[in-house]
Amino acid sequence: MSGAPAPRRALVTGGSTGIGVAILGRLLAAGYEVINLSRRGAGLTHPNLRSIAVDLSDGAATRAIAAELAATCPVTTIVHNAGAIFEKPLAEVLPEDIAALTQLHLGTPITLVQANLAAMRAAQYGRIVLVSSRAVLGLQKRTVYAATKASLLGLARTWALELGPDGITTNVVAPGPIAETEMFDGVLAAGDARRQALAQAIPVRRLGRPEDVARAVAFFTDPEASFVTGQTLYVCGGLSAGSLAL
């Protein structure tokens, strides 16, 4: 990986499991060189994939690795997928929870985009995709998670206006219940009867899969998707539309 910005070089966060692995696979299949940042190694191997272990809830560590990568192999595509839930009722939310998830969900994408912004502007090209959640529309025991994930919608709309003249698009993918992920399985374990009940409450009558989200990300990262920016796409089987069973 050289120091020159490349339209087909991408930086992905949280590529160790689930949705992140599916996103890595999509980008690699599309011919990208991909750098993954996650607490653990990437969930797959590929000649064009480099994985770096870093705790993105640590602001100093995130800034250090962002600066290092921008100096040696700047990217023009960034997919911020890393996240954590911290499922708690309001009465149990701690200041430490707010600080950690604010850094992870909000501080990390700001740091990564700032580090690579000069390269994107030089190339007059950029694709930024922020992975949020359907939970921004409201979900019990998700005070800090929902609030910080909702901040990504504001980032995307602001950056769309600010960076659009430089050929840089910013969009959000907001998944609903996605099975085969650590987050979902940590809340509803395999075999839990509530999984089937939840699936039946979704208009398409099934839980999502990591590939469902990766396909949406692939659309927004496509070089030809230059006229779509500042948008939020809910990948939730229709759950965000609301439904009334009579």
Protein backbone atom coordinates (compact mmCIF):
# COMPACT_ATOMS: atom_id res chain seq x y z
CA MET A 1 0.00 0.00 0.00
CA SER A 2 1.58 3.21 -1.18
CA GLY A 3 1.23 6.71 0.24
CA ALA A 4 -0.91 7.96 -2.64
CA PRO A 5 -4.69 8.08 -2.16
CA ALA A 6 -6.51 5.38 -4.11
CA PRO A 7 -10.21 5.32 -4.99
CA ARG A 8 -10.15 1.57 -4.39
CA ARG A 9 -8.62 1.70 -0.91
CA ALA A 10 -11.01 1.50 2.02
CA LEU A 11 -10.84 1.74 5.79
CA VAL A 12 -13.41 -0.28 7.76
CA THR A 13 -13.95 -0.40 11.51
CA GLY A 14 -15.28 -3.37 13.42
CA GLY A 15 -14.50 -6.05 10.86
CA SER A 16 -13.90 -8.89 13.31
CA THR A 17 -17.39 -10.45 13.23
CA GLY A 18 -20.90 -10.28 11.80
CA ILE A 19 -21.77 -7.22 9.76
CA GLY A 20 -18.16 -6.05 9.68
CA VAL A 21 -16.95 -9.30 8.12
CA ALA A 22 -19.68 -9.10 5.48
CA ILE A 23 -18.67 -5.53 4.65
CA LEU A 24 -15.02 -6.53 4.33
CA GLY A 25 -15.99 -9.37 2.00
CA ARG A 26 -18.02 -7.08 -0.23
CA LEU A 27 -15.29 -4.49 -0.57
CA LEU A 28 -12.60 -7.09 -1.21
CA ALA A 29 -14.75 -8.76 -3.85
CA ALA A 30 -15.16 -5.36 -5.51
CA GLY A 31 -11.37 -5.05 -5.82
CA TYR A 32 -10.59 -2.77 -2.89
CA GLU A 33 -7.48 -2.76 -0.77
CA VAL A 34 -8.98 -2.80 2.72
CA ILE A 35 -7.65 -1.82 6.15
CA ASN A 36 -9.65 -3.10 9.11
CA LEU A 37 -9.53 -1.49 12.55
CA SER A 38 -11.01 -3.55 15.39
CA ARG A 39 -10.20 -4.79 18.89
CA ARG A 40 -9.58 -8.25 17.46
CA GLY A 41 -8.28 -9.34 14.08
CA ALA A 42 -10.47 -9.37 11.00
CA GLY A 43 -12.92 -12.22 10.67
CA LEU A 44 -11.44 -13.30 7.35
CA THR A 45 -8.13 -13.36 5.50
CA HIS A 46 -7.33 -11.98 2.05
CA PRO A 47 -4.18 -10.79 0.25
CA ASN A 48 -5.63 -7.28 -0.02
CA LEU A 49 -6.71 -7.07 3.63
CA ARG A 50 -4.67 -5.60 6.46
CA SER A 51 -6.05 -5.80 9.98
CA ILE A 52 -4.89 -3.64 12.89
CA ALA A 53 -5.91 -4.25 16.50
CA VAL A 54 -6.99 -1.04 18.24
CA ASP A 55 -9.55 -0.06 20.87
CA LEU A 56 -11.54 2.65 19.11
CA SER A 57 -13.15 3.71 22.38
CA ASP A 58 -9.68 5.01 23.29
CA GLY A 59 -9.46 8.44 21.69
CA ALA A 60 -5.68 8.75 21.91
CA ALA A 61 -5.09 5.32 20.37
CA THR A 62 -7.56 6.09 17.59
CA ARG A 63 -5.90 9.40 16.76
CA ALA A 64 -2.46 7.78 16.70
CA ILE A 65 -3.37 4.98 14.30
CA ALA A 66 -5.43 7.35 12.11
CA ALA A 67 -2.46 9.70 11.72
CA GLU A 68 -0.07 6.82 10.99
CA LEU A 69 -2.29 5.32 8.31
CA ALA A 70 -3.10 8.66 6.69
CA ALA A 71 0.64 9.34 6.34
CA THR A 72 1.46 5.99 4.73
CA CYS A 73 -1.70 4.74 3.00
CA PRO A 74 -4.51 7.32 2.93
CA VAL A 75 -7.96 6.12 1.95
CA THR A 76 -10.85 7.63 0.05
CA THR A 77 -13.52 5.23 1.35
CA ILE A 78 -14.36 4.94 5.05
CA VAL A 79 -16.97 2.63 6.57
CA HIS A 80 -17.48 3.14 10.30
CA ASN A 81 -19.19 -0.01 11.53
CA ALA A 82 -17.71 -0.58 15.00
CA GLY A 83 -20.15 -0.26 17.86
CA ALA A 84 -21.19 -1.41 21.31
CA ILE A 85 -24.58 -1.49 23.04
CA PHE A 86 -24.17 -1.16 26.85
CA GLU A 87 -27.74 -2.37 27.42
CA LYS A 88 -28.95 -0.70 30.62
CA PRO A 89 -32.11 0.91 31.99
CA LEU A 90 -31.85 4.67 32.37
CA ALA A 91 -31.33 4.48 36.15
CA GLU A 92 -28.12 2.48 35.68
CA VAL A 93 -26.43 4.57 32.96
CA LEU A 94 -22.98 5.74 34.03
CA PRO A 95 -20.89 8.74 32.91
CA GLU A 96 -18.26 6.25 31.76
CA ASP A 97 -20.81 4.69 29.39
CA ILE A 98 -21.50 8.08 27.85
CA ALA A 99 -17.81 8.84 27.38
CA ALA A 100 -16.95 5.43 25.89
CA LEU A 101 -19.80 5.28 23.37
CA THR A 102 -19.48 8.93 22.42
CA GLN A 103 -15.85 8.29 21.50
CA LEU A 104 -16.58 4.97 19.77
CA HIS A 105 -19.64 6.00 17.77
CA LEU A 106 -19.01 9.72 17.25
CA GLY A 107 -15.37 10.55 17.95
CA THR A 108 -13.94 7.71 15.87
CA PRO A 109 -15.52 8.66 12.52
CA ILE A 110 -14.63 12.31 13.05
CA THR A 111 -11.00 11.34 13.70
CA LEU A 112 -10.77 8.97 10.74
CA VAL A 113 -12.35 11.37 8.27
CA GLN A 114 -10.25 14.30 9.47
CA ALA A 115 -7.07 12.24 8.98
CA ASN A 116 -7.99 11.33 5.39
CA LEU A 117 -9.80 14.50 4.35
CA ALA A 118 -6.81 16.02 2.56
CA ALA A 119 -6.40 12.86 0.49
CA MET A 120 -10.08 12.81 -0.42
CA ARG A 121 -10.06 16.46 -1.40
CA ALA A 122 -6.92 15.98 -3.48
CA ALA A 123 -8.62 13.11 -5.30
CA GLN A 124 -11.92 15.06 -5.51
CA TYR A 125 -13.52 11.80 -4.43
CA GLY A 126 -14.67 10.17 -1.22
CA ARG A 127 -17.21 7.73 0.13
CA ILE A 128 -18.12 7.78 3.82
CA VAL A 129 -20.65 5.30 5.23
CA LEU A 130 -21.68 5.39 8.88
CA VAL A 131 -23.41 2.31 10.30
CA SER A 132 -26.07 3.43 12.77
CA SER A 133 -29.09 1.47 14.03
CA ARG A 134 -32.87 1.31 13.84
CA ALA A 135 -32.65 1.84 17.61
CA VAL A 136 -32.28 5.58 16.96
CA LEU A 137 -36.07 5.55 16.53
CA GLY A 138 -36.39 4.34 20.11
CA LEU A 139 -35.64 1.14 22.00
CA GLN A 140 -35.76 0.35 25.70
CA LYS A 141 -32.47 0.09 27.62
CA ARG A 142 -30.53 1.81 24.84
CA THR A 143 -30.14 5.34 26.24
CA VAL A 144 -26.49 5.93 25.35
CA TYR A 145 -26.42 3.55 22.38
CA ALA A 146 -29.44 5.11 20.67
CA ALA A 147 -28.30 8.67 21.40
CA THR A 148 -24.78 8.21 20.07
CA LYS A 149 -25.89 6.19 17.06
CA ALA A 150 -28.42 8.94 16.30
CA SER A 151 -25.55 11.42 16.19
CA LEU A 152 -24.34 9.70 13.03
CA LEU A 153 -27.43 10.91 11.17
CA GLY A 154 -26.48 14.47 12.04
CA LEU A 155 -22.88 13.88 10.96
CA ALA A 156 -23.98 12.53 7.59
CA ARG A 157 -26.31 15.42 6.80
CA THR A 158 -23.74 18.00 7.89
CA TRP A 159 -20.86 16.38 6.00
CA ALA A 160 -23.03 15.93 2.91
CA LEU A 161 -23.42 19.71 2.73
CA GLU A 162 -19.84 20.52 3.67
CA LEU A 163 -18.00 17.90 1.63
CA GLY A 164 -20.29 17.47 -1.37
CA PRO A 165 -18.47 20.10 -3.46
CA ASP A 166 -15.29 17.99 -3.10
CA GLY A 167 -16.93 14.89 -4.58
CA ILE A 168 -17.28 13.29 -1.15
CA THR A 169 -20.56 11.61 -0.21
CA THR A 170 -21.67 10.68 3.30
CA ASN A 171 -24.54 8.31 4.04
CA VAL A 172 -25.91 6.18 6.87
CA VAL A 173 -27.01 2.56 6.95
CA ALA A 174 -29.24 1.80 9.96
CA PRO A 175 -29.73 -1.95 10.51
CA GLY A 176 -32.66 -3.46 12.34
CA PRO A 177 -32.46 -6.86 14.08
CA ILE A 178 -29.55 -8.66 12.41
CA ALA A 179 -28.94 -12.27 13.45
CA GLU A 180 -25.51 -13.92 13.23
CA THR A 181 -23.93 -10.96 15.02
CA GLU A 182 -22.40 -10.75 18.49
CA MET A 183 -24.58 -7.78 19.42
CA PHE A 184 -27.86 -9.49 18.56
CA ASP A 185 -26.92 -12.92 19.86
CA GLY A 186 -25.72 -11.32 23.09
CA VAL A 187 -29.22 -9.97 23.70
CA LEU A 188 -31.28 -12.85 22.26
CA ALA A 189 -29.30 -16.09 22.32
CA ALA A 190 -29.87 -18.80 19.74
CA GLY A 191 -32.85 -20.90 20.77
CA ASP A 192 -34.54 -18.04 22.64
CA ALA A 193 -38.26 -18.13 21.78
CA ARG A 194 -38.25 -14.35 21.57
CA ARG A 195 -36.19 -14.52 18.36
CA GLN A 196 -39.05 -16.14 16.45
CA ALA A 197 -41.56 -13.77 18.00
CA LEU A 198 -39.42 -10.82 16.88
CA ALA A 199 -39.10 -12.22 13.37
CA GLN A 200 -42.87 -12.47 13.11
CA ALA A 201 -43.22 -8.84 14.16
CA ILE A 202 -41.07 -7.72 11.21
CA PRO A 203 -43.06 -7.05 8.01
CA VAL A 204 -40.88 -9.38 5.90
CA ARG A 205 -41.20 -12.06 8.61
CA ARG A 206 -37.52 -12.78 9.13
CA LEU A 207 -34.48 -11.49 10.95
CA GLY A 208 -31.82 -9.71 8.97
CA ARG A 209 -28.47 -11.16 7.99
CA PRO A 210 -25.07 -9.45 7.84
CA GLU A 211 -25.12 -9.60 4.04
CA ASP A 212 -28.33 -7.55 3.97
CA VAL A 213 -26.43 -4.69 5.57
CA ALA A 214 -23.28 -5.21 3.52
CA ARG A 215 -25.27 -4.88 0.28
CA ALA A 216 -26.55 -1.47 1.39
CA VAL A 217 -23.04 -0.38 2.33
CA ALA A 218 -21.77 -1.56 -1.05
CA PHE A 219 -24.29 0.68 -2.80
CA PHE A 220 -23.19 3.79 -0.91
CA THR A 221 -19.47 3.05 -1.43
CA ASP A 222 -19.86 2.51 -5.17
CA PRO A 223 -17.95 5.17 -7.16
CA GLU A 224 -21.05 5.57 -9.34
CA ALA A 225 -23.24 6.48 -6.34
CA SER A 226 -22.17 10.10 -6.60
CA PHE A 227 -25.63 11.70 -6.52
CA VAL A 228 -26.75 10.19 -3.21
CA THR A 229 -25.52 11.88 -0.05
CA GLY A 230 -26.82 12.84 3.39
CA GLN A 231 -29.25 9.91 3.39
CA THR A 232 -30.18 7.25 5.95
CA LEU A 233 -31.20 3.80 4.71
CA TYR A 234 -32.93 1.56 7.25
CA VAL A 235 -32.12 -2.09 6.56
CA CYS A 236 -34.75 -3.49 8.88
CA GLY A 237 -37.27 -5.55 6.92
CA GLY A 238 -39.79 -2.71 7.14
CA LEU A 239 -39.66 -2.48 10.95
CA SER A 240 -38.88 1.25 10.88
CA ALA A 241 -41.99 1.96 8.78
CA GLY A 242 -44.28 0.90 11.61
CA SER A 243 -47.08 -1.62 11.34
CA LEU A 244 -50.50 -2.21 12.82
CA ALA A 245 -51.77 -5.77 13.25
CA LEU A 246 -55.60 -5.98 13.27
